[in-house]
Amino acid sequence: MPIFTTEVYDEGLGHSFESTIESSNNEKGALELKIKVPRDSPLLLVTVSDLDPYVADRGPSHVRVFLKPPVGANSEPMQIVTEGGSVVYVVECPSQGTWTFYAEYEPNASASVKASAYGRGFWDRLRTLRRGAGCKSCKIFLKTAVEAAVMAIALHALPASAVAAAAGATLTAWLGRGFIEKAWEKVLEILYDYADTPLDTMVHKICKLARACAAEG
């Protein structure tokens, strides 16, 4: 049955969760998860991939997914399916409110679902948190972004528009142009090392570069 692993909600950070879907050989069903998008959020990202942390682009097994915006939203989110089968939603400036993620799973299903709706002042708020809360929040929020960036930049598995959203103007707005100019090559080096590096490790390295970790502040 589906198992929640981690969830964080904070008015300044936004809302993020990571969930796993695993079913037995005679079990099927549906899962519904709510994503709370804060006001003026710059980006909503959802990735659905294999459970293996070392596999950068392998899709879920026996799972169908959908993302529904809140009532009154201006547009429907576009589902992107990569060559390896991973599913990605990249929504720039998403409508405020509760978005709904649906997953229908068959017997022997397996998937890792990551969703992050970022607050406008994400990095500033992250730096105000105490070490334990800051590290937990950093890890879960950035996992979605780093996974999408690996597929977009290192694997060229996402279209140019998704690259721009996941790692272009929005990232500049979060971190500041000065950081991007100084650290972009290092960020790329981390992303291109995806084959030998677990996702958690890549997230921590990028968080340290941004001096968002308590130990690095």
N, C-alpha and C. Protein backbone atom coordinates (compact mmCIF):
# COMPACT_ATOMS: atom_id res chain seq x y z
N MET A 1 0.84 -1.19 0.00
CA MET A 1 0.00 0.00 0.00
C MET A 1 0.88 1.24 0.00
N PRO A 2 0.34 2.40 -0.41
CA PRO A 2 1.14 3.62 -0.43
C PRO A 2 1.64 3.99 0.96
N ILE A 3 2.85 4.53 1.01
CA ILE A 3 3.45 4.90 2.29
C ILE A 3 4.01 6.32 2.18
N PHE A 4 3.56 7.21 3.04
CA PHE A 4 4.17 8.54 3.09
C PHE A 4 5.54 8.42 3.74
N THR A 5 6.49 9.15 3.20
CA THR A 5 7.82 9.15 3.79
C THR A 5 8.10 10.47 4.51
N THR A 6 7.89 11.59 3.84
CA THR A 6 8.20 12.90 4.44
C THR A 6 7.26 13.95 3.86
N GLU A 7 6.89 14.92 4.69
CA GLU A 7 6.08 16.04 4.21
C GLU A 7 6.44 17.28 5.01
N VAL A 8 6.57 18.41 4.34
CA VAL A 8 6.87 19.68 4.99
C VAL A 8 5.94 20.75 4.43
N TYR A 9 5.29 21.51 5.33
CA TYR A 9 4.51 22.68 4.90
C TYR A 9 4.91 23.86 5.77
N ASP A 10 5.21 24.97 5.12
CA ASP A 10 5.56 26.20 5.81
C ASP A 10 5.12 27.36 4.91
N GLU A 11 4.50 28.35 5.48
CA GLU A 11 3.96 29.44 4.67
C GLU A 11 5.03 30.13 3.83
N GLY A 12 6.26 30.23 4.38
CA GLY A 12 7.34 30.88 3.65
C GLY A 12 8.02 29.95 2.66
N LEU A 13 8.24 28.69 3.07
CA LEU A 13 8.91 27.72 2.20
C LEU A 13 8.00 27.23 1.08
N GLY A 14 6.75 26.93 1.43
CA GLY A 14 5.81 26.32 0.51
C GLY A 14 5.40 24.95 1.02
N HIS A 15 5.13 24.04 0.11
CA HIS A 15 4.67 22.70 0.49
C HIS A 15 5.43 21.67 -0.34
N SER A 16 5.93 20.64 0.33
CA SER A 16 6.66 19.60 -0.38
C SER A 16 6.43 18.26 0.29
N PHE A 17 6.37 17.20 -0.51
CA PHE A 17 6.28 15.87 0.06
C PHE A 17 6.98 14.87 -0.85
N GLU A 18 7.36 13.76 -0.26
CA GLU A 18 7.88 12.62 -1.00
C GLU A 18 7.11 11.39 -0.55
N SER A 19 6.58 10.63 -1.48
CA SER A 19 5.79 9.46 -1.15
C SER A 19 6.22 8.28 -2.02
N THR A 20 6.08 7.09 -1.48
CA THR A 20 6.36 5.89 -2.26
C THR A 20 5.07 5.13 -2.50
N ILE A 21 5.01 4.45 -3.63
CA ILE A 21 3.88 3.59 -3.95
C ILE A 21 4.43 2.19 -4.19
N GLU A 22 3.99 1.25 -3.40
CA GLU A 22 4.39 -0.15 -3.56
C GLU A 22 3.18 -1.02 -3.29
N SER A 23 2.84 -1.91 -4.21
CA SER A 23 1.69 -2.79 -4.02
C SER A 23 2.10 -4.23 -4.21
N SER A 24 1.34 -5.12 -3.61
CA SER A 24 1.61 -6.55 -3.71
C SER A 24 1.10 -7.09 -5.05
N ASN A 25 1.25 -8.41 -5.26
CA ASN A 25 0.87 -8.99 -6.55
C ASN A 25 -0.64 -9.17 -6.71
N ASN A 26 -1.44 -8.79 -5.70
CA ASN A 26 -2.90 -8.87 -5.85
C ASN A 26 -3.59 -7.60 -5.38
N GLU A 27 -2.85 -6.52 -5.28
CA GLU A 27 -3.39 -5.27 -4.74
C GLU A 27 -3.41 -4.18 -5.81
N LYS A 28 -4.51 -3.46 -5.90
CA LYS A 28 -4.59 -2.29 -6.75
C LYS A 28 -5.46 -1.25 -6.08
N GLY A 29 -5.34 0.00 -6.52
CA GLY A 29 -6.11 1.04 -5.87
C GLY A 29 -5.74 2.41 -6.40
N ALA A 30 -6.06 3.43 -5.62
CA ALA A 30 -5.80 4.81 -6.03
C ALA A 30 -5.29 5.60 -4.84
N LEU A 31 -4.50 6.60 -5.14
CA LEU A 31 -3.91 7.47 -4.12
C LEU A 31 -4.19 8.92 -4.51
N GLU A 32 -4.59 9.74 -3.55
CA GLU A 32 -4.86 11.15 -3.79
C GLU A 32 -4.05 11.98 -2.80
N LEU A 33 -3.23 12.89 -3.31
CA LEU A 33 -2.38 13.73 -2.48
C LEU A 33 -2.66 15.20 -2.78
N LYS A 34 -2.69 16.03 -1.75
CA LYS A 34 -2.98 17.45 -1.90
C LYS A 34 -1.68 18.26 -1.84
N ILE A 35 -1.54 19.20 -2.76
CA ILE A 35 -0.39 20.10 -2.80
C ILE A 35 -0.88 21.53 -2.58
N LYS A 36 -0.43 22.16 -1.51
CA LYS A 36 -0.87 23.52 -1.18
C LYS A 36 0.10 24.53 -1.80
N VAL A 37 -0.33 25.21 -2.83
CA VAL A 37 0.53 26.19 -3.50
C VAL A 37 0.32 27.56 -2.86
N PRO A 38 1.39 28.17 -2.32
CA PRO A 38 1.24 29.46 -1.66
C PRO A 38 1.05 30.61 -2.66
N ARG A 39 0.69 31.74 -2.14
CA ARG A 39 0.52 32.93 -2.98
C ARG A 39 1.85 33.33 -3.61
N ASP A 40 1.79 33.72 -4.88
CA ASP A 40 2.96 34.19 -5.63
C ASP A 40 4.06 33.13 -5.73
N SER A 41 3.71 31.86 -5.71
CA SER A 41 4.70 30.80 -5.88
C SER A 41 5.33 30.90 -7.27
N PRO A 42 6.67 30.83 -7.36
CA PRO A 42 7.31 30.89 -8.67
C PRO A 42 7.27 29.58 -9.44
N LEU A 43 7.09 28.45 -8.72
CA LEU A 43 7.25 27.17 -9.41
C LEU A 43 6.61 26.03 -8.62
N LEU A 44 5.93 25.16 -9.36
CA LEU A 44 5.44 23.89 -8.84
C LEU A 44 6.07 22.79 -9.67
N LEU A 45 6.71 21.83 -9.01
CA LEU A 45 7.34 20.70 -9.68
C LEU A 45 6.81 19.40 -9.10
N VAL A 46 6.52 18.44 -9.96
CA VAL A 46 6.16 17.09 -9.54
C VAL A 46 6.94 16.11 -10.40
N THR A 47 7.61 15.16 -9.79
CA THR A 47 8.30 14.11 -10.53
C THR A 47 7.82 12.74 -10.04
N VAL A 48 7.67 11.81 -10.97
CA VAL A 48 7.28 10.45 -10.63
C VAL A 48 8.26 9.52 -11.33
N SER A 49 9.00 8.76 -10.54
CA SER A 49 10.08 7.96 -11.12
C SER A 49 10.21 6.63 -10.39
N ASP A 50 11.27 5.90 -10.73
CA ASP A 50 11.58 4.64 -10.09
C ASP A 50 12.02 4.88 -8.65
N LEU A 51 11.90 3.84 -7.83
CA LEU A 51 12.29 3.98 -6.42
C LEU A 51 13.80 3.99 -6.21
N ASP A 52 14.56 3.48 -7.16
CA ASP A 52 16.01 3.38 -7.01
C ASP A 52 16.65 4.77 -7.03
N PRO A 53 17.34 5.18 -5.94
CA PRO A 53 17.92 6.53 -5.90
C PRO A 53 19.07 6.74 -6.86
N TYR A 54 19.64 5.66 -7.43
CA TYR A 54 20.76 5.79 -8.36
C TYR A 54 20.30 5.84 -9.82
N VAL A 55 19.01 5.60 -10.07
CA VAL A 55 18.50 5.62 -11.44
C VAL A 55 17.92 6.99 -11.74
N ALA A 56 18.53 7.70 -12.71
CA ALA A 56 18.14 9.08 -12.96
C ALA A 56 16.88 9.20 -13.82
N ASP A 57 16.64 8.26 -14.70
CA ASP A 57 15.47 8.36 -15.56
C ASP A 57 14.90 6.99 -15.86
N ARG A 58 14.09 6.50 -14.94
CA ARG A 58 13.32 5.28 -15.18
C ARG A 58 11.96 5.49 -14.56
N GLY A 59 10.93 5.29 -15.32
CA GLY A 59 9.59 5.63 -14.89
C GLY A 59 9.00 4.66 -13.88
N PRO A 60 7.83 5.02 -13.34
CA PRO A 60 7.14 4.15 -12.39
C PRO A 60 6.62 2.90 -13.07
N SER A 61 6.41 1.86 -12.27
CA SER A 61 5.89 0.58 -12.79
C SER A 61 4.42 0.43 -12.42
N HIS A 62 3.57 0.22 -13.42
CA HIS A 62 2.15 -0.07 -13.22
C HIS A 62 1.43 1.03 -12.44
N VAL A 63 1.80 2.27 -12.72
CA VAL A 63 1.18 3.42 -12.05
C VAL A 63 0.83 4.48 -13.10
N ARG A 64 -0.41 4.99 -13.06
CA ARG A 64 -0.82 6.11 -13.90
C ARG A 64 -1.06 7.31 -13.01
N VAL A 65 -0.60 8.49 -13.45
CA VAL A 65 -0.69 9.67 -12.59
C VAL A 65 -1.34 10.83 -13.32
N PHE A 66 -1.94 11.74 -12.52
CA PHE A 66 -2.61 12.92 -13.04
C PHE A 66 -2.40 14.06 -12.04
N LEU A 67 -2.35 15.28 -12.53
CA LEU A 67 -2.24 16.46 -11.67
C LEU A 67 -3.38 17.41 -12.03
N LYS A 68 -4.19 17.77 -11.05
CA LYS A 68 -5.35 18.62 -11.28
C LYS A 68 -5.20 19.95 -10.54
N PRO A 69 -5.36 21.08 -11.25
CA PRO A 69 -5.24 22.38 -10.59
C PRO A 69 -6.49 22.71 -9.78
N PRO A 70 -6.42 23.72 -8.94
CA PRO A 70 -7.61 24.12 -8.19
C PRO A 70 -8.68 24.71 -9.11
N VAL A 71 -9.90 24.75 -8.61
CA VAL A 71 -11.00 25.33 -9.38
C VAL A 71 -10.69 26.80 -9.68
N GLY A 72 -10.88 27.20 -10.94
CA GLY A 72 -10.64 28.58 -11.33
C GLY A 72 -9.24 28.86 -11.82
N ALA A 73 -8.37 27.85 -11.86
CA ALA A 73 -7.01 28.05 -12.35
C ALA A 73 -7.04 28.40 -13.84
N ASN A 74 -6.05 29.16 -14.30
CA ASN A 74 -6.05 29.66 -15.67
C ASN A 74 -5.70 28.60 -16.71
N SER A 75 -4.95 27.58 -16.33
CA SER A 75 -4.51 26.60 -17.33
C SER A 75 -4.35 25.23 -16.71
N GLU A 76 -4.38 24.20 -17.56
CA GLU A 76 -4.16 22.83 -17.14
C GLU A 76 -2.66 22.52 -17.18
N PRO A 77 -2.14 21.80 -16.20
CA PRO A 77 -0.72 21.45 -16.23
C PRO A 77 -0.42 20.46 -17.35
N MET A 78 0.77 20.58 -17.93
CA MET A 78 1.17 19.68 -19.01
C MET A 78 2.03 18.55 -18.45
N GLN A 79 1.66 17.32 -18.76
CA GLN A 79 2.45 16.17 -18.33
C GLN A 79 3.55 15.90 -19.35
N ILE A 80 4.79 15.79 -18.85
CA ILE A 80 5.94 15.48 -19.70
C ILE A 80 6.42 14.08 -19.33
N VAL A 81 6.54 13.21 -20.32
CA VAL A 81 7.05 11.86 -20.10
C VAL A 81 8.40 11.75 -20.80
N THR A 82 9.45 11.46 -20.06
CA THR A 82 10.79 11.39 -20.63
C THR A 82 10.98 10.06 -21.38
N GLU A 83 12.09 9.97 -22.08
CA GLU A 83 12.40 8.75 -22.84
C GLU A 83 12.47 7.53 -21.94
N GLY A 84 12.97 7.72 -20.72
CA GLY A 84 13.07 6.60 -19.79
C GLY A 84 11.78 6.27 -19.08
N GLY A 85 10.75 7.12 -19.26
CA GLY A 85 9.45 6.83 -18.66
C GLY A 85 9.10 7.64 -17.43
N SER A 86 10.04 8.46 -16.93
CA SER A 86 9.72 9.31 -15.79
C SER A 86 8.68 10.35 -16.18
N VAL A 87 7.83 10.71 -15.24
CA VAL A 87 6.77 11.70 -15.48
C VAL A 87 7.11 12.97 -14.71
N VAL A 88 7.00 14.11 -15.39
CA VAL A 88 7.35 15.39 -14.78
C VAL A 88 6.27 16.42 -15.10
N TYR A 89 5.91 17.20 -14.09
CA TYR A 89 5.07 18.39 -14.28
C TYR A 89 5.89 19.60 -13.88
N VAL A 90 6.01 20.57 -14.76
CA VAL A 90 6.69 21.83 -14.47
C VAL A 90 5.68 22.95 -14.69
N VAL A 91 5.29 23.63 -13.61
CA VAL A 91 4.27 24.67 -13.70
C VAL A 91 4.86 25.98 -13.18
N GLU A 92 5.14 26.91 -14.08
CA GLU A 92 5.65 28.22 -13.67
C GLU A 92 4.51 29.08 -13.17
N CYS A 93 4.75 29.81 -12.08
CA CYS A 93 3.75 30.72 -11.50
C CYS A 93 2.40 30.02 -11.35
N PRO A 94 2.36 28.89 -10.64
CA PRO A 94 1.11 28.14 -10.51
C PRO A 94 0.06 28.93 -9.73
N SER A 95 -1.20 28.66 -10.02
CA SER A 95 -2.30 29.31 -9.30
C SER A 95 -2.26 28.94 -7.83
N GLN A 96 -2.51 29.93 -6.99
CA GLN A 96 -2.58 29.66 -5.55
C GLN A 96 -3.76 28.75 -5.25
N GLY A 97 -3.59 27.90 -4.26
CA GLY A 97 -4.67 27.01 -3.85
C GLY A 97 -4.22 25.57 -3.76
N THR A 98 -5.16 24.68 -3.62
CA THR A 98 -4.86 23.26 -3.44
C THR A 98 -4.92 22.52 -4.76
N TRP A 99 -3.77 22.00 -5.19
CA TRP A 99 -3.68 21.14 -6.37
C TRP A 99 -3.80 19.70 -5.90
N THR A 100 -4.28 18.83 -6.78
CA THR A 100 -4.49 17.43 -6.39
C THR A 100 -3.71 16.51 -7.32
N PHE A 101 -2.92 15.64 -6.70
CA PHE A 101 -2.17 14.63 -7.44
C PHE A 101 -2.87 13.29 -7.26
N TYR A 102 -3.17 12.63 -8.38
CA TYR A 102 -3.82 11.32 -8.36
C TYR A 102 -2.87 10.27 -8.91
N ALA A 103 -2.90 9.10 -8.30
CA ALA A 103 -2.15 7.96 -8.82
C ALA A 103 -3.05 6.73 -8.76
N GLU A 104 -3.19 6.06 -9.89
CA GLU A 104 -3.91 4.79 -9.95
C GLU A 104 -2.87 3.69 -10.13
N TYR A 105 -2.85 2.73 -9.22
CA TYR A 105 -1.81 1.72 -9.28
C TYR A 105 -2.42 0.31 -9.40
N GLU A 106 -1.68 -0.53 -10.12
CA GLU A 106 -2.07 -1.92 -10.36
C GLU A 106 -1.23 -2.84 -9.47
N PRO A 107 -1.49 -4.14 -9.49
CA PRO A 107 -0.63 -5.07 -8.74
C PRO A 107 0.85 -4.93 -9.15
N ASN A 108 1.73 -5.14 -8.19
CA ASN A 108 3.18 -5.06 -8.39
C ASN A 108 3.63 -3.66 -8.83
N ALA A 109 2.94 -2.64 -8.35
CA ALA A 109 3.29 -1.26 -8.69
C ALA A 109 4.43 -0.76 -7.81
N SER A 110 5.21 0.14 -8.37
CA SER A 110 6.26 0.81 -7.58
C SER A 110 6.56 2.16 -8.20
N ALA A 111 6.70 3.17 -7.34
CA ALA A 111 7.00 4.52 -7.82
C ALA A 111 7.44 5.39 -6.66
N SER A 112 8.20 6.41 -7.00
CA SER A 112 8.57 7.45 -6.05
C SER A 112 7.98 8.76 -6.56
N VAL A 113 7.19 9.42 -5.72
CA VAL A 113 6.54 10.68 -6.09
C VAL A 113 7.15 11.81 -5.25
N LYS A 114 7.60 12.85 -5.94
CA LYS A 114 8.14 14.02 -5.26
C LYS A 114 7.41 15.25 -5.77
N ALA A 115 6.96 16.10 -4.88
CA ALA A 115 6.24 17.32 -5.27
C ALA A 115 6.72 18.48 -4.42
N SER A 116 6.95 19.63 -5.07
CA SER A 116 7.37 20.83 -4.34
C SER A 116 6.70 22.05 -4.95
N ALA A 117 5.97 22.79 -4.12
CA ALA A 117 5.43 24.09 -4.50
C ALA A 117 6.19 25.12 -3.67
N TYR A 118 7.02 25.93 -4.33
CA TYR A 118 7.96 26.79 -3.62
C TYR A 118 7.35 28.14 -3.28
N GLY A 119 7.64 28.60 -2.07
CA GLY A 119 7.22 29.93 -1.66
C GLY A 119 8.11 30.99 -2.31
N ARG A 120 7.58 32.20 -2.43
CA ARG A 120 8.33 33.27 -3.08
C ARG A 120 9.64 33.57 -2.34
N GLY A 121 9.63 33.48 -1.03
CA GLY A 121 10.84 33.76 -0.24
C GLY A 121 11.49 32.50 0.28
N PHE A 122 11.52 31.45 -0.55
CA PHE A 122 11.98 30.13 -0.11
C PHE A 122 13.35 30.17 0.56
N TRP A 123 14.36 30.71 -0.13
CA TRP A 123 15.73 30.66 0.40
C TRP A 123 15.89 31.51 1.65
N ASP A 124 15.27 32.68 1.68
CA ASP A 124 15.37 33.53 2.87
C ASP A 124 14.75 32.84 4.08
N ARG A 125 13.61 32.21 3.87
CA ARG A 125 12.95 31.50 4.97
C ARG A 125 13.78 30.29 5.40
N LEU A 126 14.35 29.57 4.46
CA LEU A 126 15.14 28.39 4.78
C LEU A 126 16.30 28.75 5.71
N ARG A 127 16.92 29.89 5.46
CA ARG A 127 18.08 30.29 6.26
C ARG A 127 17.72 30.70 7.68
N THR A 128 16.43 30.95 7.95
CA THR A 128 16.02 31.33 9.30
C THR A 128 15.72 30.13 10.19
N LEU A 129 15.61 28.94 9.59
CA LEU A 129 15.25 27.76 10.36
C LEU A 129 16.44 27.21 11.14
N ARG A 130 16.15 26.59 12.26
CA ARG A 130 17.21 25.94 13.02
C ARG A 130 17.75 24.74 12.25
N ARG A 131 18.94 24.29 12.63
CA ARG A 131 19.67 23.33 11.80
C ARG A 131 18.87 22.10 11.42
N GLY A 132 18.25 21.43 12.40
CA GLY A 132 17.52 20.21 12.10
C GLY A 132 16.38 20.43 11.13
N ALA A 133 15.57 21.45 11.41
CA ALA A 133 14.43 21.76 10.54
C ALA A 133 14.90 22.24 9.18
N GLY A 134 15.98 23.02 9.16
CA GLY A 134 16.50 23.54 7.90
C GLY A 134 17.01 22.44 6.99
N CYS A 135 17.75 21.48 7.54
CA CYS A 135 18.30 20.39 6.73
C CYS A 135 17.19 19.50 6.19
N LYS A 136 16.20 19.19 7.03
CA LYS A 136 15.08 18.35 6.60
C LYS A 136 14.31 19.05 5.48
N SER A 137 14.05 20.34 5.67
CA SER A 137 13.28 21.08 4.67
C SER A 137 14.05 21.23 3.37
N CYS A 138 15.34 21.54 3.48
CA CYS A 138 16.19 21.69 2.30
C CYS A 138 16.17 20.42 1.47
N LYS A 139 16.33 19.29 2.15
CA LYS A 139 16.42 18.01 1.44
C LYS A 139 15.13 17.71 0.68
N ILE A 140 13.99 17.83 1.34
CA ILE A 140 12.75 17.41 0.68
C ILE A 140 12.34 18.38 -0.42
N PHE A 141 12.53 19.70 -0.22
CA PHE A 141 12.14 20.66 -1.24
C PHE A 141 13.04 20.58 -2.47
N LEU A 142 14.34 20.43 -2.25
CA LEU A 142 15.25 20.46 -3.38
C LEU A 142 15.36 19.14 -4.14
N LYS A 143 14.92 18.04 -3.52
CA LYS A 143 14.96 16.76 -4.23
C LYS A 143 14.20 16.84 -5.55
N THR A 144 13.01 17.44 -5.51
CA THR A 144 12.20 17.53 -6.72
C THR A 144 12.91 18.35 -7.78
N ALA A 145 13.46 19.50 -7.37
CA ALA A 145 14.12 20.40 -8.32
C ALA A 145 15.38 19.77 -8.90
N VAL A 146 16.17 19.10 -8.05
CA VAL A 146 17.42 18.50 -8.53
C VAL A 146 17.12 17.34 -9.46
N GLU A 147 16.13 16.52 -9.14
CA GLU A 147 15.77 15.41 -10.03
C GLU A 147 15.33 15.94 -11.39
N ALA A 148 14.49 16.99 -11.40
CA ALA A 148 14.04 17.58 -12.66
C ALA A 148 15.21 18.19 -13.42
N ALA A 149 16.14 18.84 -12.69
CA ALA A 149 17.29 19.46 -13.34
C ALA A 149 18.22 18.43 -13.96
N VAL A 150 18.42 17.29 -13.29
CA VAL A 150 19.25 16.22 -13.85
C VAL A 150 18.66 15.74 -15.17
N MET A 151 17.36 15.53 -15.19
CA MET A 151 16.72 15.06 -16.43
C MET A 151 16.77 16.13 -17.52
N ALA A 152 16.65 17.39 -17.11
CA ALA A 152 16.62 18.47 -18.10
C ALA A 152 18.00 18.80 -18.64
N ILE A 153 19.00 18.87 -17.76
CA ILE A 153 20.32 19.36 -18.15
C ILE A 153 21.28 18.23 -18.47
N ALA A 154 21.37 17.25 -17.57
CA ALA A 154 22.36 16.19 -17.77
C ALA A 154 21.89 15.15 -18.79
N LEU A 155 20.61 14.82 -18.76
CA LEU A 155 20.11 13.77 -19.64
C LEU A 155 19.40 14.30 -20.88
N HIS A 156 19.15 15.61 -20.93
CA HIS A 156 18.44 16.22 -22.06
C HIS A 156 17.10 15.52 -22.30
N ALA A 157 16.45 15.10 -21.20
CA ALA A 157 15.21 14.34 -21.31
C ALA A 157 13.97 15.22 -21.25
N LEU A 158 14.15 16.50 -20.96
CA LEU A 158 13.02 17.43 -20.89
C LEU A 158 13.18 18.51 -21.94
N PRO A 159 12.07 19.10 -22.41
CA PRO A 159 12.16 20.16 -23.42
C PRO A 159 12.78 21.44 -22.87
N ALA A 160 13.15 22.33 -23.77
CA ALA A 160 13.85 23.56 -23.38
C ALA A 160 13.04 24.39 -22.40
N SER A 161 11.73 24.41 -22.56
CA SER A 161 10.89 25.20 -21.65
C SER A 161 10.98 24.69 -20.22
N ALA A 162 11.08 23.36 -20.08
CA ALA A 162 11.21 22.78 -18.75
C ALA A 162 12.57 23.08 -18.15
N VAL A 163 13.60 23.10 -18.98
CA VAL A 163 14.94 23.45 -18.51
C VAL A 163 14.94 24.87 -17.96
N ALA A 164 14.33 25.77 -18.71
CA ALA A 164 14.28 27.18 -18.28
C ALA A 164 13.55 27.33 -16.95
N ALA A 165 12.47 26.60 -16.81
CA ALA A 165 11.69 26.70 -15.57
C ALA A 165 12.42 26.07 -14.39
N ALA A 166 13.02 24.91 -14.62
CA ALA A 166 13.65 24.17 -13.52
C ALA A 166 14.98 24.78 -13.10
N ALA A 167 15.69 25.41 -14.03
CA ALA A 167 17.05 25.83 -13.69
C ALA A 167 17.45 27.17 -14.29
N GLY A 168 16.51 27.93 -14.81
CA GLY A 168 16.86 29.19 -15.45
C GLY A 168 16.47 30.40 -14.63
N ALA A 169 15.49 31.15 -15.11
CA ALA A 169 15.12 32.41 -14.48
C ALA A 169 14.64 32.22 -13.04
N THR A 170 13.92 31.14 -12.79
CA THR A 170 13.41 30.92 -11.44
C THR A 170 14.55 30.68 -10.45
N LEU A 171 15.52 29.87 -10.85
CA LEU A 171 16.67 29.61 -9.98
C LEU A 171 17.44 30.89 -9.72
N THR A 172 17.58 31.73 -10.72
CA THR A 172 18.25 33.02 -10.54
C THR A 172 17.51 33.87 -9.53
N ALA A 173 16.18 33.87 -9.63
CA ALA A 173 15.38 34.66 -8.71
C ALA A 173 15.53 34.17 -7.27
N TRP A 174 15.63 32.85 -7.09
CA TRP A 174 15.79 32.30 -5.74
C TRP A 174 17.15 32.63 -5.16
N LEU A 175 18.20 32.34 -5.91
CA LEU A 175 19.55 32.39 -5.36
C LEU A 175 20.24 33.72 -5.57
N GLY A 176 19.78 34.50 -6.53
CA GLY A 176 20.46 35.76 -6.84
C GLY A 176 21.41 35.59 -8.01
N ARG A 177 21.49 36.63 -8.83
CA ARG A 177 22.32 36.55 -10.03
C ARG A 177 23.79 36.34 -9.67
N GLY A 178 24.25 36.93 -8.56
CA GLY A 178 25.64 36.79 -8.16
C GLY A 178 26.01 35.34 -7.90
N PHE A 179 25.11 34.62 -7.22
CA PHE A 179 25.39 33.21 -6.93
C PHE A 179 25.45 32.41 -8.23
N ILE A 180 24.51 32.66 -9.13
CA ILE A 180 24.46 31.92 -10.39
C ILE A 180 25.75 32.14 -11.17
N GLU A 181 26.21 33.37 -11.23
CA GLU A 181 27.43 33.67 -11.99
C GLU A 181 28.64 32.98 -11.38
N LYS A 182 28.71 32.91 -10.07
CA LYS A 182 29.87 32.34 -9.39
C LYS A 182 29.83 30.81 -9.32
N ALA A 183 28.63 30.25 -9.19
CA ALA A 183 28.54 28.83 -8.84
C ALA A 183 27.91 27.96 -9.93
N TRP A 184 27.50 28.53 -11.05
CA TRP A 184 26.78 27.74 -12.04
C TRP A 184 27.59 26.56 -12.55
N GLU A 185 28.87 26.76 -12.82
CA GLU A 185 29.69 25.65 -13.30
C GLU A 185 29.76 24.53 -12.27
N LYS A 186 29.82 24.91 -11.00
CA LYS A 186 29.86 23.90 -9.94
C LYS A 186 28.53 23.15 -9.85
N VAL A 187 27.41 23.87 -10.02
CA VAL A 187 26.10 23.23 -10.03
C VAL A 187 26.02 22.21 -11.17
N LEU A 188 26.49 22.61 -12.36
CA LEU A 188 26.48 21.69 -13.49
C LEU A 188 27.35 20.46 -13.22
N GLU A 189 28.49 20.67 -12.59
CA GLU A 189 29.37 19.54 -12.26
C GLU A 189 28.66 18.55 -11.36
N ILE A 190 27.91 19.07 -10.38
CA ILE A 190 27.16 18.19 -9.47
C ILE A 190 26.09 17.42 -10.23
N LEU A 191 25.36 18.11 -11.11
CA LEU A 191 24.28 17.47 -11.85
C LEU A 191 24.79 16.40 -12.81
N TYR A 192 25.92 16.69 -13.47
CA TYR A 192 26.46 15.73 -14.43
C TYR A 192 27.09 14.51 -13.75
N ASP A 193 27.25 14.56 -12.43
CA ASP A 193 27.80 13.43 -11.69
C ASP A 193 26.68 12.49 -11.20
N TYR A 194 25.48 12.63 -11.82
CA TYR A 194 24.30 11.90 -11.36
C TYR A 194 24.48 10.39 -11.34
N ALA A 195 25.28 9.85 -12.26
CA ALA A 195 25.37 8.39 -12.40
C ALA A 195 25.99 7.73 -11.17
N ASP A 196 26.87 8.43 -10.47
CA ASP A 196 27.56 7.84 -9.32
C ASP A 196 27.17 8.46 -7.99
N THR A 197 26.14 9.30 -7.99
CA THR A 197 25.80 10.05 -6.79
C THR A 197 24.32 9.92 -6.45
N PRO A 198 23.99 9.49 -5.22
CA PRO A 198 22.58 9.44 -4.83
C PRO A 198 21.97 10.84 -4.86
N LEU A 199 20.67 10.91 -5.08
CA LEU A 199 19.98 12.20 -5.16
C LEU A 199 20.16 13.02 -3.89
N ASP A 200 20.09 12.38 -2.73
CA ASP A 200 20.25 13.10 -1.47
C ASP A 200 21.60 13.83 -1.40
N THR A 201 22.64 13.18 -1.91
CA THR A 201 23.98 13.78 -1.87
C THR A 201 24.06 15.00 -2.78
N MET A 202 23.48 14.91 -3.97
CA MET A 202 23.48 16.05 -4.88
C MET A 202 22.73 17.23 -4.28
N VAL A 203 21.60 16.93 -3.64
CA VAL A 203 20.80 17.99 -3.00
C VAL A 203 21.62 18.70 -1.94
N HIS A 204 22.32 17.93 -1.11
CA HIS A 204 23.10 18.54 -0.02
C HIS A 204 24.23 19.40 -0.57
N LYS A 205 24.86 18.96 -1.63
CA LYS A 205 25.95 19.74 -2.22
C LYS A 205 25.45 21.09 -2.75
N ILE A 206 24.31 21.08 -3.41
CA ILE A 206 23.76 22.33 -3.95
C ILE A 206 23.29 23.24 -2.83
N CYS A 207 22.71 22.66 -1.79
CA CYS A 207 22.27 23.45 -0.64
C CYS A 207 23.46 24.13 0.03
N LYS A 208 24.58 23.42 0.12
CA LYS A 208 25.79 24.01 0.71
C LYS A 208 26.32 25.14 -0.16
N LEU A 209 26.26 24.97 -1.48
CA LEU A 209 26.70 26.04 -2.37
C LEU A 209 25.90 27.32 -2.14
N ALA A 210 24.61 27.16 -1.90
CA ALA A 210 23.72 28.31 -1.70
C ALA A 210 23.82 28.84 -0.27
N ARG A 211 24.65 28.20 0.56
CA ARG A 211 24.82 28.56 1.96
C ARG A 211 23.47 28.56 2.69
N ALA A 212 22.64 27.60 2.32
CA ALA A 212 21.34 27.47 2.96
C ALA A 212 21.40 26.51 4.13
N CYS A 213 22.42 25.64 4.21
CA CYS A 213 22.57 24.75 5.34
C CYS A 213 23.02 25.54 6.56
N ALA A 214 22.50 25.16 7.73
CA ALA A 214 22.84 25.89 8.95
C ALA A 214 24.34 25.90 9.20
N ALA A 215 25.00 24.78 8.91
CA ALA A 215 26.44 24.68 9.16
C ALA A 215 27.25 25.55 8.21
N GLU A 216 26.62 25.97 7.09
CA GLU A 216 27.34 26.73 6.08
C GLU A 216 26.99 28.21 6.11
N GLY A 217 26.03 28.60 6.97
CA GLY A 217 25.53 29.98 6.95
C GLY A 217 26.52 30.96 7.54
